[in-house]
PDB file of N, CA and C in Angstrom:
ATOM      1  N   UNK A   1       0.853  -1.156   0.000  1.00  0.00           N
ATOM      2  CA  UNK A   1       0.000   0.000   0.000  1.00  0.00           C
ATOM      3  C   UNK A   1       0.905   1.226   0.000  1.00  0.00           C
ATOM      4  N   UNK A   2       0.647   2.144  -0.905  1.00  0.00           N
ATOM      5  CA  UNK A   2       1.472   3.339  -1.015  1.00  0.00           C
ATOM      6  C   UNK A   2       0.775   4.538  -0.368  1.00  0.00           C
ATOM      7  N   UNK A   3       1.540   5.287   0.400  1.00  0.00           N
ATOM      8  CA  UNK A   3       1.029   6.452   1.109  1.00  0.00           C
ATOM      9  C   UNK A   3       2.015   7.605   0.976  1.00  0.00           C
ATOM     10  N   UNK A   4       1.536   8.822   1.207  1.00  0.00           N
ATOM     11  CA  UNK A   4       2.430   9.968   1.299  1.00  0.00           C
ATOM     12  C   UNK A   4       3.261   9.805   2.574  1.00  0.00           C
ATOM     13  N   UNK A   5       4.547  10.143   2.488  1.00  0.00           N
ATOM     14  CA  UNK A   5       5.453   9.983   3.637  1.00  0.00           C
ATOM     15  C   UNK A   5       4.925  10.665   4.895  1.00  0.00           C
ATOM     16  N   UNK A   6       4.356  11.863   4.734  1.00  0.00           N
ATOM     17  CA  UNK A   6       3.890  12.599   5.912  1.00  0.00           C
ATOM     18  C   UNK A   6       2.674  11.958   6.575  1.00  0.00           C
ATOM     19  N   UNK A   7       2.030  11.002   5.889  1.00  0.00           N
ATOM     20  CA  UNK A   7       0.867  10.322   6.461  1.00  0.00           C
ATOM     21  C   UNK A   7       1.233   9.030   7.181  1.00  0.00           C
ATOM     22  N   UNK A   8       2.531   8.686   7.215  1.00  0.00           N
ATOM     23  CA  UNK A   8       2.969   7.422   7.817  1.00  0.00           C
ATOM     24  C   UNK A   8       3.859   7.707   9.018  1.00  0.00           C
ATOM     25  N   UNK A   9       3.560   7.041  10.125  1.00  0.00           N
ATOM     26  CA  UNK A   9       4.382   7.160  11.323  1.00  0.00           C
ATOM     27  C   UNK A   9       4.627   5.749  11.853  1.00  0.00           C
ATOM     28  N   UNK A  10       5.814   5.222  11.571  1.00  0.00           N
ATOM     29  CA  UNK A  10       6.151   3.884  12.062  1.00  0.00           C
ATOM     30  C   UNK A  10       6.398   3.960  13.560  1.00  0.00           C
ATOM     31  N   UNK A  11       5.854   3.008  14.293  1.00  0.00           N
ATOM     32  CA  UNK A  11       6.046   2.967  15.739  1.00  0.00           C
ATOM     33  C   UNK A  11       6.839   1.723  16.090  1.00  0.00           C
ATOM     34  N   UNK A  12       7.665   1.829  17.086  1.00  0.00           N
ATOM     35  CA  UNK A  12       8.484   0.707  17.499  1.00  0.00           C
ATOM     36  C   UNK A  12       9.830   0.743  16.792  1.00  0.00           C
ATOM     37  N   UNK A  13      10.676  -0.174  17.170  1.00  0.00           N
ATOM     38  CA  UNK A  13      12.030  -0.211  16.639  1.00  0.00           C
ATOM     39  C   UNK A  13      12.058  -0.819  15.238  1.00  0.00           C
ATOM     40  N   UNK A  14      12.790  -0.197  14.351  1.00  0.00           N
ATOM     41  CA  UNK A  14      13.018  -0.767  13.026  1.00  0.00           C
ATOM     42  C   UNK A  14      14.502  -0.633  12.687  1.00  0.00           C
ATOM     43  N   UNK A  15      14.953  -1.491  11.821  1.00  0.00           N
ATOM     44  CA  UNK A  15      16.290  -1.390  11.255  1.00  0.00           C
ATOM     45  C   UNK A  15      16.125  -1.015   9.797  1.00  0.00           C
ATOM     46  N   UNK A  16      17.161  -0.415   9.208  1.00  0.00           N
ATOM     47  CA  UNK A  16      17.086   0.055   7.824  1.00  0.00           C
ATOM     48  C   UNK A  16      18.125  -0.667   6.965  1.00  0.00           C
ATOM     49  N   UNK A  17      17.754  -0.873   5.718  1.00  0.00           N
ATOM     50  CA  UNK A  17      18.645  -1.500   4.748  1.00  0.00           C
ATOM     51  C   UNK A  17      18.373  -0.879   3.396  1.00  0.00           C
ATOM     52  N   UNK A  18      19.414  -0.500   2.677  1.00  0.00           N
ATOM     53  CA  UNK A  18      19.232   0.076   1.345  1.00  0.00           C
ATOM     54  C   UNK A  18      19.753  -0.896   0.298  1.00  0.00           C
ATOM     55  N   UNK A  19      18.972  -1.053  -0.755  1.00  0.00           N
ATOM     56  CA  UNK A  19      19.318  -1.963  -1.837  1.00  0.00           C
ATOM     57  C   UNK A  19      18.856  -1.351  -3.141  1.00  0.00           C
ATOM     58  N   UNK A  20      19.290  -1.908  -4.249  1.00  0.00           N
ATOM     59  CA  UNK A  20      18.813  -1.459  -5.555  1.00  0.00           C
ATOM     60  C   UNK A  20      17.725  -2.386  -6.059  1.00  0.00           C
ATOM     61  N   UNK A  21      16.673  -1.799  -6.596  1.00  0.00           N
ATOM     62  CA  UNK A  21      15.590  -2.555  -7.207  1.00  0.00           C
ATOM     63  C   UNK A  21      16.059  -3.078  -8.567  1.00  0.00           C
ATOM     64  N   UNK A  22      15.250  -3.917  -9.204  1.00  0.00           N
ATOM     65  CA  UNK A  22      15.582  -4.419 -10.539  1.00  0.00           C
ATOM     66  C   UNK A  22      15.804  -3.284 -11.519  1.00  0.00           C
ATOM     67  N   UNK A  23      15.153  -2.153 -11.273  1.00  0.00           N
ATOM     68  CA  UNK A  23      15.287  -0.983 -12.147  1.00  0.00           C
ATOM     69  C   UNK A  23      16.632  -0.290 -11.979  1.00  0.00           C
ATOM     70  N   UNK A  24      17.363  -0.648 -10.915  1.00  0.00           N
ATOM     71  CA  UNK A  24      18.615   0.020 -10.610  1.00  0.00           C
ATOM     72  C   UNK A  24      18.455   1.170  -9.637  1.00  0.00           C
ATOM     73  N   UNK A  25      17.217   1.550  -9.362  1.00  0.00           N
ATOM     74  CA  UNK A  25      16.928   2.638  -8.417  1.00  0.00           C
ATOM     75  C   UNK A  25      17.048   2.119  -6.981  1.00  0.00           C
ATOM     76  N   UNK A  26      17.557   2.962  -6.094  1.00  0.00           N
ATOM     77  CA  UNK A  26      17.709   2.576  -4.688  1.00  0.00           C
ATOM     78  C   UNK A  26      16.355   2.529  -3.983  1.00  0.00           C
ATOM     79  N   UNK A  27      16.264   1.633  -3.011  1.00  0.00           N
ATOM     80  CA  UNK A  27      15.078   1.489  -2.162  1.00  0.00           C
ATOM     81  C   UNK A  27      15.584   1.311  -0.734  1.00  0.00           C
ATOM     82  N   UNK A  28      15.018   2.053   0.204  1.00  0.00           N
ATOM     83  CA  UNK A  28      15.359   1.898   1.616  1.00  0.00           C
ATOM     84  C   UNK A  28      14.245   1.099   2.284  1.00  0.00           C
ATOM     85  N   UNK A  29      14.620  -0.008   2.903  1.00  0.00           N
ATOM     86  CA  UNK A  29      13.672  -0.880   3.594  1.00  0.00           C
ATOM     87  C   UNK A  29      13.786  -0.655   5.093  1.00  0.00           C
ATOM     88  N   UNK A  30      12.643  -0.662   5.780  1.00  0.00           N
ATOM     89  CA  UNK A  30      12.620  -0.676   7.237  1.00  0.00           C
ATOM     90  C   UNK A  30      12.002  -2.003   7.633  1.00  0.00           C
ATOM     91  N   UNK A  31      12.685  -2.697   8.525  1.00  0.00           N
ATOM     92  CA  UNK A  31      12.210  -4.020   8.900  1.00  0.00           C
ATOM     93  C   UNK A  31      12.320  -4.231  10.400  1.00  0.00           C
ATOM     94  N   UNK A  32      11.600  -5.208  10.888  1.00  0.00           N
ATOM     95  CA  UNK A  32      11.620  -5.552  12.307  1.00  0.00           C
ATOM     96  C   UNK A  32      12.963  -6.207  12.618  1.00  0.00           C
ATOM     97  N   UNK A  33      13.729  -5.657  13.577  1.00  0.00           N
ATOM     98  CA  UNK A  33      15.028  -6.243  13.894  1.00  0.00           C
ATOM     99  C   UNK A  33      14.922  -7.581  14.631  1.00  0.00           C
ATOM    100  N   UNK A  34      13.730  -7.909  15.123  1.00  0.00           N
ATOM    101  CA  UNK A  34      13.543  -9.172  15.838  1.00  0.00           C
ATOM    102  C   UNK A  34      13.223 -10.318  14.885  1.00  0.00           C
ATOM    103  N   UNK A  35      12.229 -10.121  14.003  1.00  0.00           N
ATOM    104  CA  UNK A  35      11.810 -11.218  13.122  1.00  0.00           C
ATOM    105  C   UNK A  35      12.275 -11.048  11.681  1.00  0.00           C
ATOM    106  N   UNK A  36      12.711  -9.834  11.324  1.00  0.00           N
ATOM    107  CA  UNK A  36      13.208  -9.604   9.971  1.00  0.00           C
ATOM    108  C   UNK A  36      12.142  -9.251   8.945  1.00  0.00           C
ATOM    109  N   UNK A  37      10.889  -9.167   9.355  1.00  0.00           N
ATOM    110  CA  UNK A  37       9.813  -8.844   8.407  1.00  0.00           C
ATOM    111  C   UNK A  37       9.927  -7.402   7.936  1.00  0.00           C
ATOM    112  N   UNK A  38       9.813  -7.201   6.626  1.00  0.00           N
ATOM    113  CA  UNK A  38       9.802  -5.846   6.084  1.00  0.00           C
ATOM    114  C   UNK A  38       8.488  -5.192   6.475  1.00  0.00           C
ATOM    115  N   UNK A  39       8.573  -3.994   7.033  1.00  0.00           N
ATOM    116  CA  UNK A  39       7.382  -3.259   7.449  1.00  0.00           C
ATOM    117  C   UNK A  39       7.037  -2.198   6.417  1.00  0.00           C
ATOM    118  N   UNK A  40       8.045  -1.466   5.965  1.00  0.00           N
ATOM    119  CA  UNK A  40       7.800  -0.460   4.936  1.00  0.00           C
ATOM    120  C   UNK A  40       9.059  -0.232   4.131  1.00  0.00           C
ATOM    121  N   UNK A  41       8.894   0.397   2.986  1.00  0.00           N
ATOM    122  CA  UNK A  41      10.040   0.731   2.158  1.00  0.00           C
ATOM    123  C   UNK A  41       9.785   2.036   1.441  1.00  0.00           C
ATOM    124  N   UNK A  42      10.898   2.698   1.127  1.00  0.00           N
ATOM    125  CA  UNK A  42      10.851   4.003   0.482  1.00  0.00           C
ATOM    126  C   UNK A  42      11.577   3.911  -0.863  1.00  0.00           C
ATOM    127  N   UNK A  43      10.831   3.884  -1.958  1.00  0.00           N
ATOM    128  CA  UNK A  43      11.474   3.837  -3.272  1.00  0.00           C
ATOM    129  C   UNK A  43      12.045   5.213  -3.621  1.00  0.00           C
ATOM    130  N   UNK A  44      13.335   5.294  -3.861  1.00  0.00           N
ATOM    131  CA  UNK A  44      13.967   6.584  -4.133  1.00  0.00           C
ATOM    132  C   UNK A  44      13.459   7.214  -5.426  1.00  0.00           C
ATOM    133  N   UNK A  45      12.911   6.396  -6.319  1.00  0.00           N
ATOM    134  CA  UNK A  45      12.375   6.951  -7.568  1.00  0.00           C
ATOM    135  C   UNK A  45      11.041   7.666  -7.360  1.00  0.00           C
ATOM    136  N   UNK A  46      10.458   7.513  -6.170  1.00  0.00           N
ATOM    137  CA  UNK A  46       9.193   8.172  -5.836  1.00  0.00           C
ATOM    138  C   UNK A  46       9.358   8.932  -4.523  1.00  0.00           C
ATOM    139  N   UNK A  47      10.076  10.050  -4.543  1.00  0.00           N
ATOM    140  CA  UNK A  47      10.273  10.814  -3.301  1.00  0.00           C
ATOM    141  C   UNK A  47       8.936  11.203  -2.670  1.00  0.00           C
ATOM    142  N   UNK A  48       8.888  11.109  -1.346  1.00  0.00           N
ATOM    143  CA  UNK A  48       7.669  11.488  -0.635  1.00  0.00           C
ATOM    144  C   UNK A  48       6.639  10.377  -0.553  1.00  0.00           C
ATOM    145  N   UNK A  49       6.994   9.182  -1.046  1.00  0.00           N
ATOM    146  CA  UNK A  49       6.081   8.031  -1.018  1.00  0.00           C
ATOM    147  C   UNK A  49       6.678   6.934  -0.154  1.00  0.00           C
ATOM    148  N   UNK A  50       5.839   6.296   0.652  1.00  0.00           N
ATOM    149  CA  UNK A  50       6.244   5.160   1.477  1.00  0.00           C
ATOM    150  C   UNK A  50       5.310   4.002   1.159  1.00  0.00           C
ATOM    151  N   UNK A  51       5.878   2.833   0.981  1.00  0.00           N
ATOM    152  CA  UNK A  51       5.075   1.628   0.779  1.00  0.00           C
ATOM    153  C   UNK A  51       5.031   0.862   2.095  1.00  0.00           C
ATOM    154  N   UNK A  52       3.849   0.456   2.505  1.00  0.00           N
ATOM    155  CA  UNK A  52       3.663  -0.302   3.736  1.00  0.00           C
ATOM    156  C   UNK A  52       3.213  -1.702   3.355  1.00  0.00           C
ATOM    157  N   UNK A  53       3.897  -2.709   3.891  1.00  0.00           N
ATOM    158  CA  UNK A  53       3.554  -4.095   3.591  1.00  0.00           C
ATOM    159  C   UNK A  53       2.122  -4.390   4.043  1.00  0.00           C
ATOM    160  N   UNK A  54       1.331  -4.933   3.145  1.00  0.00           N
ATOM    161  CA  UNK A  54      -0.074  -5.217   3.434  1.00  0.00           C
ATOM    162  C   UNK A  54      -0.234  -6.123   4.655  1.00  0.00           C
ATOM    163  N   UNK A  55       0.715  -7.041   4.852  1.00  0.00           N
ATOM    164  CA  UNK A  55       0.655  -7.937   5.996  1.00  0.00           C
ATOM    165  C   UNK A  55       0.856  -7.244   7.325  1.00  0.00           C
ATOM    166  N   UNK A  56       1.247  -5.971   7.295  1.00  0.00           N
ATOM    167  CA  UNK A  56       1.428  -5.208   8.537  1.00  0.00           C
ATOM    168  C   UNK A  56       0.108  -4.781   9.144  1.00  0.00           C
ATOM    169  N   UNK A  57      -0.965  -4.844   8.366  1.00  0.00           N
ATOM    170  CA  UNK A  57      -2.273  -4.426   8.851  1.00  0.00           C
ATOM    171  C   UNK A  57      -3.008  -5.628   9.425  1.00  0.00           C
ATOM    172  N   UNK A  58      -3.368  -5.568  10.690  1.00  0.00           N
ATOM    173  CA  UNK A  58      -4.091  -6.651  11.350  1.00  0.00           C
ATOM    174  C   UNK A  58      -5.583  -6.376  11.269  1.00  0.00           C
ATOM    175  N   UNK A  59      -6.094  -6.244  10.055  1.00  0.00           N
ATOM    176  CA  UNK A  59      -7.501  -5.908   9.839  1.00  0.00           C
ATOM    177  C   UNK A  59      -8.044  -6.817   8.742  1.00  0.00           C
ATOM    178  N   UNK A  60      -8.877  -7.779   9.113  1.00  0.00           N
ATOM    179  CA  UNK A  60      -9.392  -8.747   8.137  1.00  0.00           C
ATOM    180  C   UNK A  60     -10.334  -8.114   7.119  1.00  0.00           C
ATOM    181  N   UNK A  61     -10.770  -6.870   7.352  1.00  0.00           N
ATOM    182  CA  UNK A  61     -11.651  -6.195   6.396  1.00  0.00           C
ATOM    183  C   UNK A  61     -10.881  -5.239   5.489  1.00  0.00           C
ATOM    184  N   UNK A  62      -9.546  -5.256   5.594  1.00  0.00           N
ATOM    185  CA  UNK A  62      -8.721  -4.371   4.772  1.00  0.00           C
ATOM    186  C   UNK A  62      -8.957  -4.690   3.300  1.00  0.00           C
ATOM    187  N   UNK A  63      -9.041  -3.679   2.446  1.00  0.00           N
ATOM    188  CA  UNK A  63      -9.331  -3.925   1.024  1.00  0.00           C
ATOM    189  C   UNK A  63      -8.301  -4.840   0.366  1.00  0.00           C
ATOM    190  N   UNK A  64      -8.758  -5.630  -0.577  1.00  0.00           N
ATOM    191  CA  UNK A  64      -7.888  -6.541  -1.320  1.00  0.00           C
ATOM    192  C   UNK A  64      -6.932  -5.746  -2.210  1.00  0.00           C
ATOM    193  N   UNK A  65      -5.767  -6.303  -2.529  1.00  0.00           N
ATOM    194  CA  UNK A  65      -4.813  -5.592  -3.381  1.00  0.00           C
ATOM    195  C   UNK A  65      -5.338  -5.431  -4.806  1.00  0.00           C
ATOM    196  N   UNK A  66      -4.878  -4.375  -5.459  1.00  0.00           N
ATOM    197  CA  UNK A  66      -5.256  -4.137  -6.859  1.00  0.00           C
ATOM    198  C   UNK A  66      -4.064  -4.278  -7.789  1.00  0.00           C
ATOM    199  N   UNK A  67      -2.870  -4.433  -7.215  1.00  0.00           N
ATOM    200  CA  UNK A  67      -1.678  -4.680  -8.019  1.00  0.00           C
ATOM    201  C   UNK A  67      -0.698  -5.513  -7.207  1.00  0.00           C
ATOM    202  N   UNK A  68       0.162  -6.212  -7.909  1.00  0.00           N
ATOM    203  CA  UNK A  68       1.198  -7.008  -7.270  1.00  0.00           C
ATOM    204  C   UNK A  68       2.541  -6.598  -7.868  1.00  0.00           C
ATOM    205  N   UNK A  69       3.552  -6.491  -7.032  1.00  0.00           N
ATOM    206  CA  UNK A  69       4.880  -6.102  -7.484  1.00  0.00           C
ATOM    207  C   UNK A  69       5.731  -7.356  -7.642  1.00  0.00           C
ATOM    208  N   UNK A  70       6.411  -7.463  -8.766  1.00  0.00           N
ATOM    209  CA  UNK A  70       7.290  -8.596  -9.065  1.00  0.00           C
ATOM    210  C   UNK A  70       6.570  -9.939  -9.048  1.00  0.00           C
ATOM    211  N   UNK A  71       5.304  -9.960  -9.425  1.00  0.00           N
ATOM    212  CA  UNK A  71       4.529 -11.203  -9.426  1.00  0.00           C
ATOM    213  C   UNK A  71       5.142 -12.241 -10.367  1.00  0.00           C
ATOM    214  N   UNK A  72       5.806 -11.778 -11.416  1.00  0.00           N
ATOM    215  CA  UNK A  72       6.398 -12.730 -12.363  1.00  0.00           C
ATOM    216  C   UNK A  72       7.590 -13.477 -11.762  1.00  0.00           C
ATOM    217  N   UNK A  73       8.115 -12.994 -10.637  1.00  0.00           N
ATOM    218  CA  UNK A  73       9.257 -13.637  -9.993  1.00  0.00           C
ATOM    219  C   UNK A  73       8.868 -14.513  -8.808  1.00  0.00           C
ATOM    220  N   UNK A  74       7.573 -14.638  -8.533  1.00  0.00           N
ATOM    221  CA  UNK A  74       7.143 -15.404  -7.362  1.00  0.00           C
ATOM    222  C   UNK A  74       7.368 -16.903  -7.593  1.00  0.00           C
ATOM    223  N   UNK A  75       7.424 -17.652  -6.509  1.00  0.00           N
ATOM    224  CA  UNK A  75       7.508 -19.111  -6.607  1.00  0.00           C
ATOM    225  C   UNK A  75       6.251 -19.638  -7.291  1.00  0.00           C
ATOM    226  N   UNK A  76       6.367 -20.736  -7.979  1.00  0.00           N
ATOM    227  CA  UNK A  76       5.231 -21.282  -8.731  1.00  0.00           C
ATOM    228  C   UNK A  76       4.059 -21.667  -7.829  1.00  0.00           C
ATOM    229  N   UNK A  77       4.319 -21.941  -6.565  1.00  0.00           N
ATOM    230  CA  UNK A  77       3.264 -22.351  -5.650  1.00  0.00           C
ATOM    231  C   UNK A  77       2.577 -21.174  -4.956  1.00  0.00           C
ATOM    232  N   UNK A  78       3.042 -19.945  -5.219  1.00  0.00           N
ATOM    233  CA  UNK A  78       2.424 -18.750  -4.631  1.00  0.00           C
ATOM    234  C   UNK A  78       1.419 -18.186  -5.622  1.00  0.00           C
ATOM    235  N   UNK A  79       0.187 -17.992  -5.179  1.00  0.00           N
ATOM    236  CA  UNK A  79      -0.848 -17.476  -6.069  1.00  0.00           C
ATOM    237  C   UNK A  79      -0.684 -15.964  -6.256  1.00  0.00           C
ATOM    238  N   UNK A  80      -1.182 -15.460  -7.363  1.00  0.00           N
ATOM    239  CA  UNK A  80      -1.196 -14.021  -7.644  1.00  0.00           C
ATOM    240  C   UNK A  80      -2.566 -13.509  -7.211  1.00  0.00           C
ATOM    241  N   UNK A  81      -2.658 -12.804  -6.078  1.00  0.00           N
ATOM    242  CA  UNK A  81      -3.966 -12.393  -5.565  1.00  0.00           C
ATOM    243  C   UNK A  81      -4.714 -11.467  -6.505  1.00  0.00           C
ATOM    244  N   UNK A  82      -4.017 -10.631  -7.260  1.00  0.00           N
ATOM    245  CA  UNK A  82      -4.673  -9.711  -8.176  1.00  0.00           C
ATOM    246  C   UNK A  82      -5.282 -10.487  -9.345  1.00  0.00           C
ATOM    247  N   UNK A  83      -4.554 -11.464  -9.869  1.00  0.00           N
ATOM    248  CA  UNK A  83      -5.079 -12.291 -10.961  1.00  0.00           C
ATOM    249  C   UNK A  83      -6.309 -13.058 -10.505  1.00  0.00           C
ATOM    250  N   UNK A  84      -6.279 -13.566  -9.288  1.00  0.00           N
ATOM    251  CA  UNK A  84      -7.437 -14.304  -8.755  1.00  0.00           C
ATOM    252  C   UNK A  84      -8.648 -13.408  -8.595  1.00  0.00           C
ATOM    253  N   UNK A  85      -8.437 -12.164  -8.156  1.00  0.00           N
ATOM    254  CA  UNK A  85      -9.555 -11.234  -7.984  1.00  0.00           C
ATOM    255  C   UNK A  85     -10.166 -10.839  -9.329  1.00  0.00           C
ATOM    256  N   UNK A  86      -9.332 -10.756 -10.360  1.00  0.00           N
ATOM    257  CA  UNK A  86      -9.799 -10.332 -11.685  1.00  0.00           C
ATOM    258  C   UNK A  86     -10.312 -11.497 -12.528  1.00  0.00           C
ATOM    259  N   UNK A  87     -10.313 -12.695 -11.952  1.00  0.00           N
ATOM    260  CA  UNK A  87     -10.910 -13.839 -12.595  1.00  0.00           C
ATOM    261  C   UNK A  87     -10.065 -14.516 -13.581  1.00  0.00           C
TER     262      UNK A  87
END
């Protein structure tokens, strides 16, 4: 889920890691230092935007995704939720 940076306030301890995306653009990841789960990331190609991992929301009524990133690289046993929603 993508949000404006000023609308996001991460709470609790996070660690940061910077890597390059397939596009070559840098991305800064914030993750839980205890379990290693990515909580949010900041794509440098989109200043002022923060992506929050959908699994970070503990709300069973949260809207279904409308796009998937890098779906073509997923394991064969992982379903594409957007493709399933679109039939």
